[in-house]
PDB file of N, CA and C in Angstrom:
ATOM      1  N   MET A   1       0.442 -19.604 -18.044  1.00  0.00           N
ATOM      2  CA  MET A   1      -0.145 -18.294 -18.165  1.00  0.00           C
ATOM      3  C   MET A   1      -1.528 -18.442 -18.803  1.00  0.00           C
ATOM      4  N   THR A   2      -2.543 -17.925 -18.134  1.00  0.00           N
ATOM      5  CA  THR A   2      -3.914 -18.116 -18.604  1.00  0.00           C
ATOM      6  C   THR A   2      -4.434 -16.948 -19.429  1.00  0.00           C
ATOM      7  N   GLY A   3      -3.752 -15.842 -19.457  1.00  0.00           N
ATOM      8  CA  GLY A   3      -4.233 -14.681 -20.188  1.00  0.00           C
ATOM      9  C   GLY A   3      -5.119 -13.775 -19.359  1.00  0.00           C
ATOM     10  N   LEU A   4      -5.401 -14.159 -18.127  1.00  0.00           N
ATOM     11  CA  LEU A   4      -6.227 -13.330 -17.243  1.00  0.00           C
ATOM     12  C   LEU A   4      -5.413 -12.320 -16.445  1.00  0.00           C
ATOM     13  N   GLU A   5      -4.099 -12.365 -16.573  1.00  0.00           N
ATOM     14  CA  GLU A   5      -3.263 -11.476 -15.772  1.00  0.00           C
ATOM     15  C   GLU A   5      -3.516 -10.009 -16.099  1.00  0.00           C
ATOM     16  N   TRP A   6      -3.567  -9.685 -17.376  1.00  0.00           N
ATOM     17  CA  TRP A   6      -3.756  -8.288 -17.778  1.00  0.00           C
ATOM     18  C   TRP A   6      -5.134  -7.748 -17.374  1.00  0.00           C
ATOM     19  N   PRO A   7      -6.243  -8.476 -17.606  1.00  0.00           N
ATOM     20  CA  PRO A   7      -7.540  -7.938 -17.153  1.00  0.00           C
ATOM     21  C   PRO A   7      -7.632  -7.786 -15.632  1.00  0.00           C
ATOM     22  N   VAL A   8      -7.048  -8.712 -14.886  1.00  0.00           N
ATOM     23  CA  VAL A   8      -7.078  -8.603 -13.431  1.00  0.00           C
ATOM     24  C   VAL A   8      -6.237  -7.418 -12.978  1.00  0.00           C
ATOM     25  N   ALA A   9      -5.089  -7.214 -13.608  1.00  0.00           N
ATOM     26  CA  ALA A   9      -4.250  -6.052 -13.279  1.00  0.00           C
ATOM     27  C   ALA A   9      -4.985  -4.756 -13.595  1.00  0.00           C
ATOM     28  N   LEU A  10      -5.713  -4.715 -14.698  1.00  0.00           N
ATOM     29  CA  LEU A  10      -6.493  -3.527 -15.041  1.00  0.00           C
ATOM     30  C   LEU A  10      -7.610  -3.300 -14.030  1.00  0.00           C
ATOM     31  N   PHE A  11      -8.259  -4.365 -13.581  1.00  0.00           N
ATOM     32  CA  PHE A  11      -9.301  -4.254 -12.561  1.00  0.00           C
ATOM     33  C   PHE A  11      -8.730  -3.693 -11.258  1.00  0.00           C
ATOM     34  N   LEU A  12      -7.559  -4.177 -10.866  1.00  0.00           N
ATOM     35  CA  LEU A  12      -6.924  -3.660  -9.655  1.00  0.00           C
ATOM     36  C   LEU A  12      -6.543  -2.190  -9.816  1.00  0.00           C
ATOM     37  N   LEU A  13      -6.128  -1.808 -11.006  1.00  0.00           N
ATOM     38  CA  LEU A  13      -5.799  -0.405 -11.256  1.00  0.00           C
ATOM     39  C   LEU A  13      -7.036   0.478 -11.138  1.00  0.00           C
ATOM     40  N   VAL A  14      -8.172   0.001 -11.611  1.00  0.00           N
ATOM     41  CA  VAL A  14      -9.430   0.746 -11.463  1.00  0.00           C
ATOM     42  C   VAL A  14      -9.793   0.871  -9.981  1.00  0.00           C
ATOM     43  N   ASN A  15      -9.546  -0.191  -9.213  1.00  0.00           N
ATOM     44  CA  ASN A  15      -9.780  -0.109  -7.763  1.00  0.00           C
ATOM     45  C   ASN A  15      -8.882   0.935  -7.114  1.00  0.00           C
ATOM     46  N   LEU A  16      -7.649   1.054  -7.592  1.00  0.00           N
ATOM     47  CA  LEU A  16      -6.756   2.080  -7.058  1.00  0.00           C
ATOM     48  C   LEU A  16      -7.271   3.481  -7.364  1.00  0.00           C
ATOM     49  N   LEU A  17      -7.832   3.661  -8.534  1.00  0.00           N
ATOM     50  CA  LEU A  17      -8.405   4.973  -8.861  1.00  0.00           C
ATOM     51  C   LEU A  17      -9.591   5.299  -7.965  1.00  0.00           C
ATOM     52  N   ALA A  18     -10.416   4.305  -7.671  1.00  0.00           N
ATOM     53  CA  ALA A  18     -11.532   4.517  -6.747  1.00  0.00           C
ATOM     54  C   ALA A  18     -11.015   4.840  -5.346  1.00  0.00           C
ATOM     55  N   ALA A  19      -9.935   4.201  -4.950  1.00  0.00           N
ATOM     56  CA  ALA A  19      -9.341   4.480  -3.639  1.00  0.00           C
ATOM     57  C   ALA A  19      -8.763   5.890  -3.597  1.00  0.00           C
ATOM     58  N   LEU A  20      -8.219   6.347  -4.706  1.00  0.00           N
ATOM     59  CA  LEU A  20      -7.685   7.706  -4.762  1.00  0.00           C
ATOM     60  C   LEU A  20      -8.790   8.737  -4.575  1.00  0.00           C
ATOM     61  N   ILE A  21      -9.931   8.479  -5.168  1.00  0.00           N
ATOM     62  CA  ILE A  21     -11.078   9.372  -4.971  1.00  0.00           C
ATOM     63  C   ILE A  21     -11.518   9.350  -3.515  1.00  0.00           C
ATOM     64  N   ARG A  22     -11.533   8.190  -2.912  1.00  0.00           N
ATOM     65  CA  ARG A  22     -11.909   8.066  -1.503  1.00  0.00           C
ATOM     66  C   ARG A  22     -10.896   8.762  -0.596  1.00  0.00           C
ATOM     67  N   ALA A  23      -9.634   8.697  -0.958  1.00  0.00           N
ATOM     68  CA  ALA A  23      -8.605   9.356  -0.149  1.00  0.00           C
ATOM     69  C   ALA A  23      -8.777  10.865  -0.175  1.00  0.00           C
ATOM     70  N   ALA A  24      -9.201  11.384  -1.307  1.00  0.00           N
ATOM     71  CA  ALA A  24      -9.417  12.828  -1.407  1.00  0.00           C
ATOM     72  C   ALA A  24     -10.606  13.265  -0.553  1.00  0.00           C
ATOM     73  N   ARG A  25     -11.558  12.384  -0.354  1.00  0.00           N
ATOM     74  CA  ARG A  25     -12.750  12.726   0.419  1.00  0.00           C
ATOM     75  C   ARG A  25     -12.682  12.254   1.862  1.00  0.00           C
ATOM     76  N   GLY A  26     -11.640  11.498   2.213  1.00  0.00           N
ATOM     77  CA  GLY A  26     -11.539  10.915   3.552  1.00  0.00           C
ATOM     78  C   GLY A  26     -11.516  11.966   4.638  1.00  0.00           C
ATOM     79  N   PRO A  27     -12.374  11.830   5.642  1.00  0.00           N
ATOM     80  CA  PRO A  27     -12.452  12.867   6.665  1.00  0.00           C
ATOM     81  C   PRO A  27     -11.333  12.804   7.706  1.00  0.00           C
ATOM     82  N   THR A  28     -10.700  11.662   7.879  1.00  0.00           N
ATOM     83  CA  THR A  28      -9.701  11.549   8.929  1.00  0.00           C
ATOM     84  C   THR A  28      -8.381  11.048   8.358  1.00  0.00           C
ATOM     85  N   ALA A  29      -7.335  11.230   9.156  1.00  0.00           N
ATOM     86  CA  ALA A  29      -6.023  10.740   8.744  1.00  0.00           C
ATOM     87  C   ALA A  29      -6.010   9.216   8.671  1.00  0.00           C
ATOM     88  N   ALA A  30      -6.781   8.560   9.526  1.00  0.00           N
ATOM     89  CA  ALA A  30      -6.835   7.094   9.503  1.00  0.00           C
ATOM     90  C   ALA A  30      -7.429   6.590   8.182  1.00  0.00           C
ATOM     91  N   ASP A  31      -8.449   7.273   7.686  1.00  0.00           N
ATOM     92  CA  ASP A  31      -9.022   6.886   6.398  1.00  0.00           C
ATOM     93  C   ASP A  31      -7.981   7.000   5.295  1.00  0.00           C
ATOM     94  N   ARG A  32      -7.243   8.084   5.324  1.00  0.00           N
ATOM     95  CA  ARG A  32      -6.219   8.275   4.305  1.00  0.00           C
ATOM     96  C   ARG A  32      -5.103   7.246   4.436  1.00  0.00           C
ATOM     97  N   MET A  33      -4.784   6.877   5.663  1.00  0.00           N
ATOM     98  CA  MET A  33      -3.733   5.878   5.861  1.00  0.00           C
ATOM     99  C   MET A  33      -4.170   4.513   5.353  1.00  0.00           C
ATOM    100  N   LEU A  34      -5.423   4.166   5.568  1.00  0.00           N
ATOM    101  CA  LEU A  34      -5.933   2.900   5.047  1.00  0.00           C
ATOM    102  C   LEU A  34      -5.884   2.872   3.526  1.00  0.00           C
ATOM    103  N   VAL A  35      -6.156   3.995   2.899  1.00  0.00           N
ATOM    104  CA  VAL A  35      -6.060   4.059   1.439  1.00  0.00           C
ATOM    105  C   VAL A  35      -4.604   3.910   1.003  1.00  0.00           C
ATOM    106  N   ALA A  36      -3.681   4.509   1.751  1.00  0.00           N
ATOM    107  CA  ALA A  36      -2.260   4.353   1.415  1.00  0.00           C
ATOM    108  C   ALA A  36      -1.829   2.901   1.534  1.00  0.00           C
ATOM    109  N   LEU A  37      -2.310   2.202   2.550  1.00  0.00           N
ATOM    110  CA  LEU A  37      -1.997   0.772   2.689  1.00  0.00           C
ATOM    111  C   LEU A  37      -2.635  -0.039   1.563  1.00  0.00           C
ATOM    112  N   LEU A  38      -3.840   0.373   1.147  1.00  0.00           N
ATOM    113  CA  LEU A  38      -4.478  -0.283   0.004  1.00  0.00           C
ATOM    114  C   LEU A  38      -3.648  -0.087  -1.253  1.00  0.00           C
ATOM    115  N   PHE A  39      -3.089   1.113  -1.418  1.00  0.00           N
ATOM    116  CA  PHE A  39      -2.214   1.365  -2.554  1.00  0.00           C
ATOM    117  C   PHE A  39      -1.028   0.413  -2.524  1.00  0.00           C
ATOM    118  N   GLY A  40      -0.457   0.220  -1.350  1.00  0.00           N
ATOM    119  CA  GLY A  40       0.700  -0.663  -1.239  1.00  0.00           C
ATOM    120  C   GLY A  40       0.370  -2.098  -1.592  1.00  0.00           C
ATOM    121  N   THR A  41      -0.683  -2.631  -1.010  1.00  0.00           N
ATOM    122  CA  THR A  41      -1.013  -4.039  -1.250  1.00  0.00           C
ATOM    123  C   THR A  41      -1.519  -4.269  -2.677  1.00  0.00           C
ATOM    124  N   THR A  42      -2.315  -3.355  -3.189  1.00  0.00           N
ATOM    125  CA  THR A  42      -2.799  -3.515  -4.552  1.00  0.00           C
ATOM    126  C   THR A  42      -1.666  -3.320  -5.554  1.00  0.00           C
ATOM    127  N   GLY A  43      -0.778  -2.389  -5.252  1.00  0.00           N
ATOM    128  CA  GLY A  43       0.389  -2.207  -6.115  1.00  0.00           C
ATOM    129  C   GLY A  43       1.246  -3.450  -6.179  1.00  0.00           C
ATOM    130  N   VAL A  44       1.407  -4.112  -5.042  1.00  0.00           N
ATOM    131  CA  VAL A  44       2.154  -5.372  -5.017  1.00  0.00           C
ATOM    132  C   VAL A  44       1.449  -6.407  -5.890  1.00  0.00           C
ATOM    133  N   GLY A  45       0.139  -6.498  -5.775  1.00  0.00           N
ATOM    134  CA  GLY A  45      -0.611  -7.449  -6.591  1.00  0.00           C
ATOM    135  C   GLY A  45      -0.477  -7.171  -8.077  1.00  0.00           C
ATOM    136  N   ILE A  46      -0.554  -5.909  -8.456  1.00  0.00           N
ATOM    137  CA  ILE A  46      -0.424  -5.541  -9.873  1.00  0.00           C
ATOM    138  C   ILE A  46       0.972  -5.882 -10.382  1.00  0.00           C
ATOM    139  N   LEU A  47       1.988  -5.518  -9.601  1.00  0.00           N
ATOM    140  CA  LEU A  47       3.355  -5.809 -10.035  1.00  0.00           C
ATOM    141  C   LEU A  47       3.611  -7.310 -10.168  1.00  0.00           C
ATOM    142  N   LEU A  48       3.076  -8.099  -9.242  1.00  0.00           N
ATOM    143  CA  LEU A  48       3.265  -9.545  -9.339  1.00  0.00           C
ATOM    144  C   LEU A  48       2.524 -10.140 -10.530  1.00  0.00           C
ATOM    145  N   LEU A  49       1.331  -9.622 -10.810  1.00  0.00           N
ATOM    146  CA  LEU A  49       0.604 -10.099 -11.992  1.00  0.00           C
ATOM    147  C   LEU A  49       1.358  -9.761 -13.273  1.00  0.00           C
ATOM    148  N   LEU A  50       1.898  -8.555 -13.333  1.00  0.00           N
ATOM    149  CA  LEU A  50       2.641  -8.167 -14.526  1.00  0.00           C
ATOM    150  C   LEU A  50       3.944  -8.951 -14.653  1.00  0.00           C
ATOM    151  N   ALA A  51       4.575  -9.261 -13.523  1.00  0.00           N
ATOM    152  CA  ALA A  51       5.782 -10.089 -13.566  1.00  0.00           C
ATOM    153  C   ALA A  51       5.453 -11.486 -14.076  1.00  0.00           C
ATOM    154  N   TYR A  52       4.326 -12.019 -13.634  1.00  0.00           N
ATOM    155  CA  TYR A  52       3.907 -13.350 -14.081  1.00  0.00           C
ATOM    156  C   TYR A  52       3.538 -13.345 -15.567  1.00  0.00           C
ATOM    157  N   ALA A  53       3.025 -12.212 -16.038  1.00  0.00           N
ATOM    158  CA  ALA A  53       2.627 -12.112 -17.439  1.00  0.00           C
ATOM    159  C   ALA A  53       3.822 -11.939 -18.372  1.00  0.00           C
ATOM    160  N   GLY A  54       5.013 -11.820 -17.814  1.00  0.00           N
ATOM    161  CA  GLY A  54       6.183 -11.750 -18.682  1.00  0.00           C
ATOM    162  C   GLY A  54       7.076 -10.566 -18.420  1.00  0.00           C
ATOM    163  N   GLY A  55       6.875  -9.886 -17.311  1.00  0.00           N
ATOM    164  CA  GLY A  55       7.672  -8.703 -17.021  1.00  0.00           C
ATOM    165  C   GLY A  55       9.046  -9.001 -16.468  1.00  0.00           C
ATOM    166  N   GLY A  56       9.246 -10.175 -15.935  1.00  0.00           N
ATOM    167  CA  GLY A  56      10.563 -10.539 -15.444  1.00  0.00           C
ATOM    168  C   GLY A  56      10.725 -10.378 -13.947  1.00  0.00           C
ATOM    169  N   PRO A  57      11.885 -10.785 -13.464  1.00  0.00           N
ATOM    170  CA  PRO A  57      12.135 -10.768 -12.015  1.00  0.00           C
ATOM    171  C   PRO A  57      12.294  -9.371 -11.426  1.00  0.00           C
ATOM    172  N   ALA A  58      12.561  -8.375 -12.243  1.00  0.00           N
ATOM    173  CA  ALA A  58      12.710  -7.014 -11.717  1.00  0.00           C
ATOM    174  C   ALA A  58      11.394  -6.527 -11.115  1.00  0.00           C
ATOM    175  N   LEU A  59      10.270  -6.917 -11.698  1.00  0.00           N
ATOM    176  CA  LEU A  59       8.969  -6.514 -11.149  1.00  0.00           C
ATOM    177  C   LEU A  59       8.692  -7.208  -9.823  1.00  0.00           C
ATOM    178  N   VAL A  60       9.174  -8.416  -9.651  1.00  0.00           N
ATOM    179  CA  VAL A  60       9.017  -9.112  -8.372  1.00  0.00           C
ATOM    180  C   VAL A  60       9.819  -8.378  -7.296  1.00  0.00           C
ATOM    181  N   ASP A  61      11.026  -7.951  -7.651  1.00  0.00           N
ATOM    182  CA  ASP A  61      11.837  -7.189  -6.703  1.00  0.00           C
ATOM    183  C   ASP A  61      11.153  -5.876  -6.317  1.00  0.00           C
ATOM    184  N   ALA A  62      10.572  -5.203  -7.295  1.00  0.00           N
ATOM    185  CA  ALA A  62       9.855  -3.954  -7.022  1.00  0.00           C
ATOM    186  C   ALA A  62       8.638  -4.214  -6.136  1.00  0.00           C
ATOM    187  N   ALA A  63       7.951  -5.320  -6.362  1.00  0.00           N
ATOM    188  CA  ALA A  63       6.788  -5.662  -5.543  1.00  0.00           C
ATOM    189  C   ALA A  63       7.196  -5.931  -4.102  1.00  0.00           C
ATOM    190  N   LEU A  64       8.298  -6.653  -3.913  1.00  0.00           N
ATOM    191  CA  LEU A  64       8.771  -6.921  -2.556  1.00  0.00           C
ATOM    192  C   LEU A  64       9.187  -5.631  -1.846  1.00  0.00           C
ATOM    193  N   THR A  65       9.821  -4.724  -2.570  1.00  0.00           N
ATOM    194  CA  THR A  65      10.203  -3.437  -1.992  1.00  0.00           C
ATOM    195  C   THR A  65       8.974  -2.636  -1.603  1.00  0.00           C
ATOM    196  N   LEU A  66       7.972  -2.616  -2.460  1.00  0.00           N
ATOM    197  CA  LEU A  66       6.736  -1.890  -2.161  1.00  0.00           C
ATOM    198  C   LEU A  66       6.025  -2.496  -0.954  1.00  0.00           C
ATOM    199  N   ALA A  67       6.020  -3.809  -0.838  1.00  0.00           N
ATOM    200  CA  ALA A  67       5.391  -4.458   0.315  1.00  0.00           C
ATOM    201  C   ALA A  67       6.110  -4.088   1.602  1.00  0.00           C
ATOM    202  N   LEU A  68       7.427  -4.061   1.560  1.00  0.00           N
ATOM    203  CA  LEU A  68       8.203  -3.679   2.732  1.00  0.00           C
ATOM    204  C   LEU A  68       7.942  -2.236   3.120  1.00  0.00           C
ATOM    205  N   LEU A  69       7.915  -1.345   2.155  1.00  0.00           N
ATOM    206  CA  LEU A  69       7.647   0.064   2.438  1.00  0.00           C
ATOM    207  C   LEU A  69       6.239   0.271   2.996  1.00  0.00           C
ATOM    208  N   ALA A  70       5.261  -0.449   2.464  1.00  0.00           N
ATOM    209  CA  ALA A  70       3.888  -0.318   2.967  1.00  0.00           C
ATOM    210  C   ALA A  70       3.797  -0.777   4.416  1.00  0.00           C
ATOM    211  N   ALA A  71       4.499  -1.841   4.757  1.00  0.00           N
ATOM    212  CA  ALA A  71       4.481  -2.319   6.143  1.00  0.00           C
ATOM    213  C   ALA A  71       5.143  -1.311   7.077  1.00  0.00           C
ATOM    214  N   ILE A  72       6.250  -0.738   6.660  1.00  0.00           N
ATOM    215  CA  ILE A  72       6.935   0.253   7.491  1.00  0.00           C
ATOM    216  C   ILE A  72       6.077   1.492   7.691  1.00  0.00           C
ATOM    217  N   VAL A  73       5.425   1.936   6.633  1.00  0.00           N
ATOM    218  CA  VAL A  73       4.555   3.112   6.737  1.00  0.00           C
ATOM    219  C   VAL A  73       3.389   2.832   7.680  1.00  0.00           C
ATOM    220  N   GLY A  74       2.814   1.647   7.612  1.00  0.00           N
ATOM    221  CA  GLY A  74       1.709   1.303   8.506  1.00  0.00           C
ATOM    222  C   GLY A  74       2.124   1.302   9.963  1.00  0.00           C
ATOM    223  N   VAL A  75       3.292   0.758  10.249  1.00  0.00           N
ATOM    224  CA  VAL A  75       3.785   0.737  11.626  1.00  0.00           C
ATOM    225  C   VAL A  75       4.097   2.149  12.105  1.00  0.00           C
ATOM    226  N   ALA A  76       4.714   2.948  11.255  1.00  0.00           N
ATOM    227  CA  ALA A  76       5.039   4.327  11.634  1.00  0.00           C
ATOM    228  C   ALA A  76       3.775   5.133  11.913  1.00  0.00           C
ATOM    229  N   PHE A  77       2.745   4.930  11.097  1.00  0.00           N
ATOM    230  CA  PHE A  77       1.501   5.653  11.330  1.00  0.00           C
ATOM    231  C   PHE A  77       0.852   5.216  12.637  1.00  0.00           C
ATOM    232  N   ALA A  78       0.876   3.924  12.904  1.00  0.00           N
ATOM    233  CA  ALA A  78       0.262   3.427  14.142  1.00  0.00           C
ATOM    234  C   ALA A  78       0.982   3.978  15.365  1.00  0.00           C
ATOM    235  N   GLN A  79       2.299   4.031  15.313  1.00  0.00           N
ATOM    236  CA  GLN A  79       3.036   4.591  16.442  1.00  0.00           C
ATOM    237  C   GLN A  79       2.737   6.067  16.615  1.00  0.00           C
ATOM    238  N   ARG A  80       2.652   6.784  15.534  1.00  0.00           N
ATOM    239  CA  ARG A  80       2.367   8.222  15.608  1.00  0.00           C
ATOM    240  C   ARG A  80       0.937   8.485  16.086  1.00  0.00           C
ATOM    241  N   ALA A  81       0.005   7.668  15.640  1.00  0.00           N
ATOM    242  CA  ALA A  81      -1.398   7.885  15.986  1.00  0.00           C
ATOM    243  C   ALA A  81      -1.677   7.560  17.448  1.00  0.00           C
ATOM    244  N   TRP A  82      -0.965   6.583  17.996  1.00  0.00           N
ATOM    245  CA  TRP A  82      -1.241   6.171  19.371  1.00  0.00           C
ATOM    246  C   TRP A  82      -0.446   6.948  20.400  1.00  0.00           C
ATOM    247  N   ARG A  83       0.493   7.761  19.953  1.00  0.00           N
ATOM    248  CA  ARG A  83       1.265   8.565  20.890  1.00  0.00           C
ATOM    249  C   ARG A  83       0.382   9.706  21.397  1.00  0.00           C
ATOM    250  N   ARG A  84       0.331   9.848  22.698  1.00  0.00           N
ATOM    251  CA  ARG A  84      -0.487  10.907  23.280  1.00  0.00           C
ATOM    252  C   ARG A  84       0.245  12.231  23.227  1.00  0.00           C
ATOM    253  N   LYS A  85      -0.501  13.302  23.119  1.00  0.00           N
ATOM    254  CA  LYS A  85       0.111  14.622  23.108  1.00  0.00           C
ATOM    255  C   LYS A  85       0.745  14.887  24.467  1.00  0.00           C
ATOM    256  N   GLY A  86       1.962  15.397  24.448  1.00  0.00           N
ATOM    257  CA  GLY A  86       2.659  15.717  25.680  1.00  0.00           C
ATOM    258  C   GLY A  86       3.309  14.518  26.324  1.00  0.00           C
ATOM    259  N   ASP A  87       3.227  13.360  25.695  1.00  0.00           N
ATOM    260  CA  ASP A  87       3.810  12.147  26.272  1.00  0.00           C
ATOM    261  C   ASP A  87       5.227  12.003  25.726  1.00  0.00           C
ATOM    262  N   ASP A  88       6.212  12.406  26.516  1.00  0.00           N
ATOM    263  CA  ASP A  88       7.606  12.295  26.117  1.00  0.00           C
ATOM    264  C   ASP A  88       8.120  10.937  26.553  1.00  0.00           C
ATOM    265  N   HIS A  89       7.934   9.970  25.694  1.00  0.00           N
ATOM    266  CA  HIS A  89       8.297   8.602  26.016  1.00  0.00           C
ATOM    267  C   HIS A  89       9.648   8.292  25.381  1.00  0.00           C
ATOM    268  N   ASP A  90      10.716   8.813  26.002  1.00  0.00           N
ATOM    269  CA  ASP A  90      12.038   8.629  25.424  1.00  0.00           C
ATOM    270  C   ASP A  90      12.771   7.434  26.017  1.00  0.00           C
ATOM    271  N   GLY A  91      12.178   6.722  26.917  1.00  0.00           N
ATOM    272  CA  GLY A  91      12.774   5.527  27.470  1.00  0.00           C
ATOM    273  C   GLY A  91      13.566   5.748  28.746  1.00  0.00           C
ATOM    274  N   SER A  92      13.742   6.993  29.129  1.00  0.00           N
ATOM    275  CA  SER A  92      14.501   7.241  30.371  1.00  0.00           C
ATOM    276  C   SER A  92      13.569   7.193  31.570  1.00  0.00           C
ATOM    277  N   ALA A  93      14.144   6.866  32.724  1.00  0.00           N
ATOM    278  CA  ALA A  93      13.328   6.702  33.930  1.00  0.00           C
ATOM    279  C   ALA A  93      13.162   7.983  34.689  1.00  0.00           C
TER     280      ALA A  93
END
């Protein structure tokens, strides 16, 4: 442990606050979705840094859960965004 975990985690938290401001001003849903994905990945980084600094394995589990949820949300948004209006693609012929 080098002692840099806490300052780096604080820096990432400040980046999340800047992203929150950007999300409030984002003109499109895609901009907001990118900020949500940034929240997921940065949150994972913060949790892993805190786990390494002495938080224990529970924070690693929380980080893995957050990473999984961020990936699912990204895929769901992409499917929703690319679906055309009026396109009933239910798989039947």
